[in-house]
């Protein structure tokens, strides 16, 4: 039998903090994940029109709109895309908004590579399960 192929995860990161962008870009540069990194929501939304993105990770504080609004717009533009919000401060109100918006995961800043890696592994497993289910041929019991 042939080996099942898994999909390479395409990730978009939006953060206006240059240090965060550079650090994550350096860390994930040689990995099996493909990262597109932007500093504003408008750049990210424009790129979503042309790129096949599986996961969007956005900081809450962005220069042109808040990250939650951006992630809601990303879901409208690309239904089914996995969405992760990052923030330094989380309030009960923000938790409620995250839940209501159907955000897939939340990362608290300061970030650790382990926390990002863990979230991406979980999302990758879900995406690959869906991918394998869609590409697996149906077996019919009809005679």
Protein backbone atom coordinates (compact mmCIF):
# COMPACT_ATOMS: atom_id res chain seq x y z
CA UNK A 1 0.00 0.00 0.00
CA UNK A 2 1.14 3.54 -0.67
CA UNK A 3 2.15 5.86 2.11
CA UNK A 4 -0.51 8.45 2.99
CA UNK A 5 0.68 11.95 2.25
CA UNK A 6 0.24 14.68 4.81
CA UNK A 7 -0.35 18.26 3.86
CA UNK A 8 2.40 20.81 4.56
CA UNK A 9 0.98 23.44 6.89
CA UNK A 10 0.93 26.98 5.49
CA UNK A 11 0.89 29.55 8.29
CA UNK A 12 0.34 33.29 8.27
CA UNK A 13 1.59 35.27 11.27
CA UNK A 14 0.51 38.86 11.88
CA UNK A 15 2.36 40.83 14.55
CA UNK A 16 3.47 44.45 14.56
CA UNK A 17 6.37 43.61 16.93
CA UNK A 18 9.49 43.32 14.80
CA UNK A 19 11.24 41.20 17.44
CA UNK A 20 8.43 38.62 17.48
CA UNK A 21 8.34 38.46 13.67
CA UNK A 22 12.12 38.05 13.37
CA UNK A 23 12.39 35.51 16.20
CA UNK A 24 9.64 33.27 14.86
CA UNK A 25 10.88 33.62 11.31
CA UNK A 26 14.36 32.51 12.40
CA UNK A 27 13.09 29.62 14.50
CA UNK A 28 10.73 28.19 11.88
CA UNK A 29 12.95 28.92 8.84
CA UNK A 30 14.34 25.40 8.49
CA UNK A 31 11.25 23.49 9.57
CA UNK A 32 8.62 21.67 7.58
CA UNK A 33 6.11 24.49 8.03
CA UNK A 34 5.74 27.35 5.59
CA UNK A 35 5.40 30.78 7.22
CA UNK A 36 4.24 34.09 5.74
CA UNK A 37 4.84 36.92 8.19
CA UNK A 38 3.25 40.37 8.10
CA UNK A 39 3.13 43.40 10.39
CA UNK A 40 -0.45 44.56 9.74
CA UNK A 41 -3.91 43.12 9.29
CA UNK A 42 -4.37 44.81 5.92
CA UNK A 43 -1.22 43.10 4.58
CA UNK A 44 -2.52 39.78 5.85
CA UNK A 45 -6.00 40.20 4.36
CA UNK A 46 -4.49 41.18 1.02
CA UNK A 47 -2.22 38.11 1.04
CA UNK A 48 -5.13 35.80 1.90
CA UNK A 49 -6.59 36.63 -1.52
CA UNK A 50 -3.62 35.01 -3.24
CA UNK A 51 -2.19 32.44 -0.81
CA UNK A 52 -3.36 29.00 0.26
CA UNK A 53 -3.17 29.47 4.04
CA UNK A 54 -4.19 26.82 6.59
CA UNK A 55 -3.58 28.71 9.84
CA UNK A 56 -3.62 32.40 10.74
CA UNK A 57 -1.92 33.49 13.95
CA UNK A 58 -2.56 37.10 14.90
CA UNK A 59 -1.56 39.37 17.72
CA UNK A 60 -4.49 41.20 19.31
CA UNK A 61 -2.83 44.61 19.10
CA UNK A 62 -2.23 45.55 15.47
CA UNK A 63 -1.71 49.01 13.97
CA UNK A 64 -4.75 49.00 11.67
CA UNK A 65 -7.38 46.87 13.49
CA UNK A 66 -7.52 44.54 16.44
CA UNK A 67 -6.53 40.92 15.90
CA UNK A 68 -9.97 39.55 16.74
CA UNK A 69 -11.58 41.66 14.02
CA UNK A 70 -8.84 40.58 11.62
CA UNK A 71 -9.42 36.88 12.41
CA UNK A 72 -13.18 37.30 11.88
CA UNK A 73 -12.50 38.86 8.47
CA UNK A 74 -10.01 36.11 7.63
CA UNK A 75 -12.72 33.49 8.34
CA UNK A 76 -15.13 35.29 6.01
CA UNK A 77 -12.49 35.44 3.29
CA UNK A 78 -11.30 31.83 3.82
CA UNK A 79 -14.00 29.74 5.53
CA UNK A 80 -12.56 26.83 7.50
CA UNK A 81 -9.17 28.46 8.10
CA UNK A 82 -7.73 27.74 11.55
CA UNK A 83 -7.39 30.91 13.63
CA UNK A 84 -5.15 31.60 16.63
CA UNK A 85 -5.14 34.83 18.66
CA UNK A 86 -2.15 36.04 20.69
CA UNK A 87 -2.36 38.65 23.45
CA UNK A 88 -0.40 39.87 26.42
CA UNK A 89 -3.42 40.71 28.54
CA UNK A 90 -6.59 38.65 28.51
CA UNK A 91 -9.78 39.81 30.17
CA UNK A 92 -13.00 37.92 30.81
CA UNK A 93 -14.60 40.04 28.08
CA UNK A 94 -11.89 39.07 25.57
CA UNK A 95 -12.27 35.39 26.52
CA UNK A 96 -15.98 35.68 25.80
CA UNK A 97 -15.35 37.38 22.44
CA UNK A 98 -12.79 34.72 21.48
CA UNK A 99 -15.31 31.99 22.26
CA UNK A 100 -18.14 33.72 20.39
CA UNK A 101 -15.91 34.25 17.33
CA UNK A 102 -15.01 30.55 17.17
CA UNK A 103 -11.27 31.18 17.45
CA UNK A 104 -9.46 27.82 17.46
CA UNK A 105 -6.77 28.64 20.01
CA UNK A 106 -5.34 31.38 22.20
CA UNK A 107 -1.65 32.01 22.93
CA UNK A 108 -0.62 34.19 25.84
CA UNK A 109 2.38 36.45 25.39
CA UNK A 110 5.23 36.37 26.04
CA UNK A 111 5.32 33.49 23.59
CA UNK A 112 7.33 30.36 23.92
CA UNK A 113 8.33 28.29 20.93
CA UNK A 114 6.96 25.24 22.75
CA UNK A 115 3.48 26.80 23.07
CA UNK A 116 3.35 27.74 19.40
CA UNK A 117 4.71 24.36 18.36
CA UNK A 118 2.10 22.57 20.52
CA UNK A 119 -0.81 24.56 19.03
CA UNK A 120 0.47 24.05 15.48
CA UNK A 121 0.89 20.29 16.05
CA UNK A 122 -2.72 20.04 17.25
CA UNK A 123 -4.02 22.05 14.29
CA UNK A 124 -1.82 20.10 11.85
CA UNK A 125 -3.22 16.80 13.16
CA UNK A 126 -6.78 18.06 12.65
CA UNK A 127 -6.04 19.36 9.15
CA UNK A 128 -4.32 16.11 8.13
CA UNK A 129 -7.25 14.06 9.47
CA UNK A 130 -9.61 16.14 7.34
CA UNK A 131 -7.25 15.91 4.34
CA UNK A 132 -6.97 12.12 4.62
CA UNK A 133 -10.74 11.76 5.03
CA UNK A 134 -11.33 13.81 1.88
CA UNK A 135 -8.75 11.92 -0.21
CA UNK A 136 -9.53 8.41 1.02
CA UNK A 137 -11.63 6.49 -1.51
CA UNK A 138 -15.02 5.31 -0.34
CA UNK A 139 -15.49 1.58 -0.04
CA UNK A 140 -18.81 0.38 -1.25
CA UNK A 141 -20.50 -2.74 0.06
CA UNK A 142 -22.73 -2.96 -3.00
CA UNK A 143 -22.55 -6.11 -5.12
